[in-house]
Amino acid sequence: MTTDIVNPDKLPVSTHPTIRKVREDLIADGRKIEAALPSHMRHLAGDFIRLALVEFRKVPKLIECDPRSIVAAVLDCARLGMKPGNLGHVYFVPYRNECQLLIGYRGLIELAVRSGAVTSIEARVVYAGEVFEPQYGTDPRINHTPRFDVSHEPANVVAVYAVAHRREGPPSFDIMSRNEVAAIESKSKARGGPWSDPAFWSEMARKTVTKRLCKYLPISTELAEAIAIDADATSDAAPAHRVSPAPDPPRPVEAPSTLADAALTWTAQGDS
């Protein structure tokens, strides 16, 4: 492999055999990683590999993972065009003896915006004691007044919601109760990882409702792939290699633009 892809002298060095093996494999697969990256990022393949190694070294338990699974996770990351690092787009998480690529809620939002169908997505957590008044029907909306003098611990969470602002047309939103989020957590491979850390629980809850909302937006190939990769990484029930999709959740609410649309929305909500 030529050094025009990655200069080994610029990569982190370690005496640990697993880290050394991963480093060697990533250098050897530099061309594959370059080819997997979106065309506008291919000149950054060397930086991409360096960032992946830095993130890998931040999680000591990844040393116990099969090096091949780490390289596979980096390749998945490259296909999505998501840089590892402090942006919170993606995380490398150990599960048994394999490295899983976990998509952060900021990563899902980045991919949704990148697709061009939406201008922004916001995901919020609702805590007990806050004003939270969702309204369905012909004029769906959310009124949420946050409070900063109440506990923001996971036990005080009432609901989470995500709102997508479309480039054309009205916004869409989806809401999940605390119990719905807990049901997802109970089936997740990551329940002993990010879910178990109070500092990350709200991030995982935001991602859960954002992912459910994204399934019903006009999405790009990259976003669809990210959702499938994350399903493998988080669900104990999900088969390997993304053979079968997870069951569809309830349809999120979209503000109707005409009276006919309003009738259809009411019918769909009433039939669910």
Protein backbone atom coordinates (compact mmCIF):
# COMPACT_ATOMS: atom_id res chain seq x y z
CA MET A 1 0.00 0.00 0.00
CA THR A 2 1.45 3.38 -0.95
CA THR A 3 1.83 6.26 1.50
CA ASP A 4 -0.30 8.57 -0.63
CA ILE A 5 -3.29 7.03 1.21
CA VAL A 6 -1.91 7.06 4.74
CA ASN A 7 1.49 7.87 6.18
CA PRO A 8 2.20 5.25 8.89
CA ASP A 9 4.44 7.75 10.69
CA LYS A 10 1.37 9.90 11.44
CA LEU A 11 -0.64 7.08 13.01
CA PRO A 12 -0.75 6.29 16.75
CA VAL A 13 1.74 3.57 17.76
CA SER A 14 1.19 0.93 20.45
CA THR A 15 3.01 -2.13 21.74
CA HIS A 16 -0.28 -3.95 22.41
CA PRO A 17 -0.62 -6.79 19.85
CA THR A 18 -4.32 -6.15 19.08
CA ILE A 19 -3.83 -2.42 18.54
CA ARG A 20 -0.77 -3.13 16.43
CA LYS A 21 -2.72 -5.68 14.36
CA VAL A 22 -5.62 -3.24 13.81
CA ARG A 23 -3.16 -0.53 12.80
CA GLU A 24 -1.49 -2.84 10.28
CA ASP A 25 -4.84 -4.01 8.86
CA LEU A 26 -6.13 -0.45 8.44
CA ILE A 27 -2.95 0.55 6.63
CA ALA A 28 -3.18 -2.54 4.41
CA ASP A 29 -6.85 -1.80 3.66
CA GLY A 30 -6.24 1.87 2.99
CA ARG A 31 -7.32 1.55 -0.65
CA LYS A 32 -10.57 -0.16 0.36
CA ILE A 33 -11.30 2.57 2.87
CA GLU A 34 -10.51 5.25 0.31
CA ALA A 35 -12.86 3.60 -2.21
CA ALA A 36 -15.62 3.26 0.42
CA LEU A 37 -15.55 6.96 1.30
CA PRO A 38 -17.80 9.38 -0.63
CA SER A 39 -15.90 10.94 -3.54
CA HIS A 40 -15.58 14.33 -1.84
CA MET A 41 -13.86 12.71 1.17
CA ARG A 42 -11.46 10.30 -0.50
CA HIS A 43 -8.51 12.67 -0.22
CA LEU A 44 -9.01 12.47 3.57
CA ALA A 45 -8.60 8.69 3.80
CA GLY A 46 -5.38 9.00 5.81
CA ASP A 47 -6.97 11.36 8.33
CA PHE A 48 -10.00 9.07 8.51
CA ILE A 49 -7.82 6.06 9.45
CA ARG A 50 -5.92 8.12 12.03
CA LEU A 51 -9.16 9.31 13.66
CA ALA A 52 -10.51 5.74 13.74
CA LEU A 53 -7.39 4.56 15.56
CA VAL A 54 -7.60 7.41 18.06
CA GLU A 55 -11.25 6.54 18.83
CA PHE A 56 -10.40 2.84 19.07
CA ARG A 57 -7.77 3.57 21.73
CA LYS A 58 -10.32 5.49 23.84
CA VAL A 59 -12.32 2.32 24.60
CA PRO A 60 -10.08 -0.22 26.39
CA LYS A 61 -12.54 -3.12 25.97
CA LEU A 62 -12.19 -2.90 22.18
CA ILE A 63 -8.79 -4.55 22.65
CA GLU A 64 -10.70 -7.78 23.37
CA CYS A 65 -12.55 -7.59 20.02
CA ASP A 66 -11.68 -9.48 16.86
CA PRO A 67 -9.50 -7.08 14.80
CA ARG A 68 -11.48 -8.04 11.68
CA SER A 69 -14.67 -6.68 13.23
CA ILE A 70 -12.90 -3.40 13.99
CA VAL A 71 -11.77 -3.02 10.39
CA ALA A 72 -15.32 -3.91 9.20
CA ALA A 73 -16.76 -1.20 11.49
CA VAL A 74 -14.31 1.35 10.08
CA LEU A 75 -15.33 0.37 6.52
CA ASP A 76 -19.01 0.80 7.43
CA CYS A 77 -18.14 4.19 8.86
CA ALA A 78 -16.33 5.12 5.63
CA ARG A 79 -19.30 4.09 3.46
CA LEU A 80 -21.49 6.46 5.44
CA GLY A 81 -18.96 9.26 5.14
CA MET A 82 -19.07 9.76 8.90
CA LYS A 83 -15.80 10.77 10.55
CA PRO A 84 -15.03 9.16 13.91
CA GLY A 85 -14.27 11.70 16.59
CA ASN A 86 -15.75 14.22 18.99
CA LEU A 87 -18.70 15.21 16.77
CA GLY A 88 -20.74 12.32 18.19
CA HIS A 89 -21.75 11.03 14.76
CA VAL A 90 -20.52 7.46 15.30
CA TYR A 91 -19.11 5.33 18.11
CA PHE A 92 -17.14 2.08 18.21
CA VAL A 93 -18.71 -0.14 20.87
CA PRO A 94 -17.57 -3.62 22.03
CA TYR A 95 -20.16 -6.38 22.13
CA ARG A 96 -18.87 -9.75 23.26
CA ASN A 97 -15.79 -10.19 21.06
CA GLU A 98 -16.90 -7.95 18.21
CA CYS A 99 -16.69 -4.23 17.51
CA GLN A 100 -20.04 -2.69 16.59
CA LEU A 101 -20.54 0.65 14.83
CA LEU A 102 -23.12 2.65 16.75
CA ILE A 103 -24.71 5.62 14.98
CA GLY A 104 -25.25 8.67 17.22
CA TYR A 105 -28.39 10.79 16.92
CA ARG A 106 -26.22 13.62 15.61
CA GLY A 107 -25.01 11.25 12.88
CA LEU A 108 -28.58 10.42 11.86
CA ILE A 109 -29.42 14.12 11.72
CA GLU A 110 -26.31 14.87 9.67
CA LEU A 111 -27.21 12.19 7.11
CA ALA A 112 -30.86 13.33 6.93
CA VAL A 113 -29.84 16.94 6.30
CA ARG A 114 -27.19 15.82 3.83
CA SER A 115 -29.91 14.05 1.79
CA GLY A 116 -31.49 17.44 1.06
CA ALA A 117 -35.04 16.43 2.00
CA VAL A 118 -34.96 18.19 5.38
CA THR A 119 -33.31 21.39 6.54
CA SER A 120 -32.95 20.35 10.18
CA ILE A 121 -34.02 17.83 12.80
CA GLU A 122 -34.20 18.51 16.51
CA ALA A 123 -34.54 15.88 19.21
CA ARG A 124 -35.65 16.82 22.73
CA VAL A 125 -36.10 15.17 26.11
CA VAL A 126 -39.13 16.01 28.26
CA TYR A 127 -38.66 15.89 32.04
CA ALA A 128 -41.28 15.65 34.79
CA GLY A 129 -42.43 19.11 35.82
CA GLU A 130 -42.12 20.63 32.33
CA VAL A 131 -45.03 21.84 30.21
CA PHE A 132 -45.52 19.31 27.42
CA GLU A 133 -48.72 19.51 25.37
CA PRO A 134 -48.71 17.46 22.16
CA GLN A 135 -51.75 17.82 19.92
CA TYR A 136 -52.86 15.48 17.14
CA GLY A 137 -55.78 15.76 14.75
CA THR A 138 -56.15 18.31 11.96
CA ASP A 139 -53.63 20.74 13.46
CA PRO A 140 -50.86 18.61 15.01
CA ARG A 141 -48.32 20.47 17.09
CA ILE A 142 -46.13 20.29 20.18
CA ASN A 143 -45.93 22.87 22.95
CA HIS A 144 -42.91 22.17 25.15
CA THR A 145 -41.65 24.61 27.76
CA PRO A 146 -38.42 23.29 29.32
CA ARG A 147 -37.38 23.84 32.90
CA PHE A 148 -33.80 23.94 34.08
CA ASP A 149 -34.55 23.64 37.79
CA VAL A 150 -35.79 20.02 37.60
CA SER A 151 -33.75 16.82 37.66
CA HIS A 152 -32.38 15.75 34.29
CA GLU A 153 -31.65 12.23 35.46
CA PRO A 154 -32.99 9.36 33.28
CA ALA A 155 -35.51 8.42 35.97
CA ASN A 156 -37.16 11.84 35.58
CA VAL A 157 -37.71 11.52 31.81
CA VAL A 158 -41.36 11.56 30.70
CA ALA A 159 -40.96 11.41 26.90
CA VAL A 160 -38.67 12.18 23.99
CA TYR A 161 -39.59 13.63 20.62
CA ALA A 162 -38.02 14.57 17.30
CA VAL A 163 -39.14 17.21 14.80
CA ALA A 164 -38.03 17.24 11.15
CA HIS A 165 -38.28 20.51 9.24
CA ARG A 166 -38.75 19.68 5.58
CA ARG A 167 -37.31 21.71 2.73
CA GLU A 168 -40.79 21.66 1.22
CA GLY A 169 -43.99 21.06 3.11
CA PRO A 170 -44.94 21.04 6.79
CA PRO A 171 -42.76 19.59 9.56
CA SER A 172 -43.12 16.04 10.83
CA PHE A 173 -42.70 14.90 14.41
CA ASP A 174 -42.74 11.71 16.44
CA ILE A 175 -43.07 11.19 20.20
CA MET A 176 -42.05 8.24 22.35
CA SER A 177 -43.01 7.77 25.99
CA ARG A 178 -40.51 6.80 28.65
CA ASN A 179 -41.93 3.26 28.60
CA GLU A 180 -41.51 2.97 24.83
CA VAL A 181 -37.88 4.04 25.09
CA ALA A 182 -37.32 1.60 27.97
CA ALA A 183 -38.71 -1.23 25.84
CA ILE A 184 -36.13 -0.46 23.13
CA GLU A 185 -33.39 -0.24 25.76
CA SER A 186 -34.30 -3.66 27.19
CA LYS A 187 -33.71 -5.32 23.79
CA SER A 188 -30.53 -3.44 22.95
CA LYS A 189 -27.05 -4.90 22.81
CA ALA A 190 -25.89 -1.52 24.12
CA ARG A 191 -27.96 -1.74 27.32
CA GLY A 192 -24.80 -2.59 29.26
CA GLY A 193 -22.91 0.22 27.52
CA PRO A 194 -24.22 3.70 26.62
CA TRP A 195 -27.71 2.99 27.98
CA SER A 196 -26.27 2.14 31.42
CA ASP A 197 -24.38 5.43 31.70
CA PRO A 198 -26.66 8.25 33.00
CA ALA A 199 -24.50 10.75 31.10
CA PHE A 200 -25.38 9.05 27.78
CA TRP A 201 -28.91 7.78 28.43
CA SER A 202 -30.62 10.90 27.08
CA GLU A 203 -28.40 10.77 23.99
CA MET A 204 -29.53 7.20 23.32
CA ALA A 205 -33.17 8.18 23.91
CA ARG A 206 -32.86 11.06 21.43
CA LYS A 207 -31.34 8.70 18.90
CA THR A 208 -34.14 6.18 19.36
CA VAL A 209 -36.92 8.64 18.50
CA THR A 210 -34.85 10.28 15.74
CA LYS A 211 -34.25 6.91 14.09
CA ARG A 212 -37.96 6.07 14.23
CA LEU A 213 -38.85 9.43 12.66
CA CYS A 214 -36.19 9.09 9.93
CA LYS A 215 -37.75 5.87 8.67
CA TYR A 216 -40.70 7.89 7.38
CA LEU A 217 -38.79 10.75 5.79
CA PRO A 218 -37.53 10.81 2.18
CA ILE A 219 -34.10 9.40 2.97
CA SER A 220 -30.86 8.85 1.12
CA THR A 221 -29.13 5.51 0.57
CA GLU A 222 -26.57 6.49 3.21
CA LEU A 223 -29.24 7.20 5.84
CA ALA A 224 -31.06 3.94 5.08
CA GLU A 225 -27.76 2.08 5.40
CA ALA A 226 -26.99 3.86 8.69
CA ILE A 227 -30.35 2.82 10.13
CA ALA A 228 -29.72 -0.79 9.06
CA ILE A 229 -26.18 -0.81 10.50
CA ASP A 230 -27.43 0.64 13.77
CA ALA A 231 -30.18 -1.99 13.96
CA ASP A 232 -27.51 -4.70 13.84
CA ALA A 233 -25.41 -2.93 16.45
CA THR A 234 -28.20 -2.32 18.96
CA SER A 235 -30.79 -5.08 18.70
CA ASP A 236 -30.27 -8.54 20.15
CA ALA A 237 -33.18 -9.68 17.98
CA ALA A 238 -31.66 -8.35 14.76
CA PRO A 239 -30.13 -11.05 12.53
CA ALA A 240 -26.58 -10.72 11.30
CA HIS A 241 -25.80 -8.89 8.07
CA ARG A 242 -29.12 -7.02 8.10
CA VAL A 243 -31.13 -9.75 6.39
CA SER A 244 -34.52 -8.81 7.80
CA PRO A 245 -35.70 -5.30 8.75
CA ALA A 246 -37.21 -4.53 12.14
CA PRO A 247 -41.02 -4.17 12.35
CA ASP A 248 -42.29 -0.74 11.36
CA PRO A 249 -43.25 1.58 14.26
CA PRO A 250 -46.39 3.75 14.23
CA ARG A 251 -46.41 6.44 11.56
CA PRO A 252 -45.19 9.83 12.81
CA VAL A 253 -47.47 12.85 12.67
CA GLU A 254 -47.22 15.26 9.77
CA ALA A 255 -49.16 18.49 9.65
CA PRO A 256 -51.82 18.20 6.89
CA SER A 257 -51.64 20.76 4.09
CA THR A 258 -55.20 20.39 2.78
CA LEU A 259 -58.62 19.42 4.13
CA ALA A 260 -58.40 16.12 2.23
CA ASP A 261 -55.00 15.43 3.76
CA ALA A 262 -56.48 16.19 7.18
CA ALA A 263 -59.16 13.55 6.65
CA LEU A 264 -56.59 11.00 5.57
CA THR A 265 -54.41 11.78 8.58
CA TRP A 266 -57.35 11.37 10.93
CA THR A 267 -58.28 8.06 9.30
CA ALA A 268 -54.74 6.72 9.53
CA GLN A 269 -54.42 7.70 13.19
CA GLY A 270 -57.81 6.25 13.98
CA ASP A 271 -57.02 2.91 12.32
CA SER A 272 -53.70 2.42 14.10
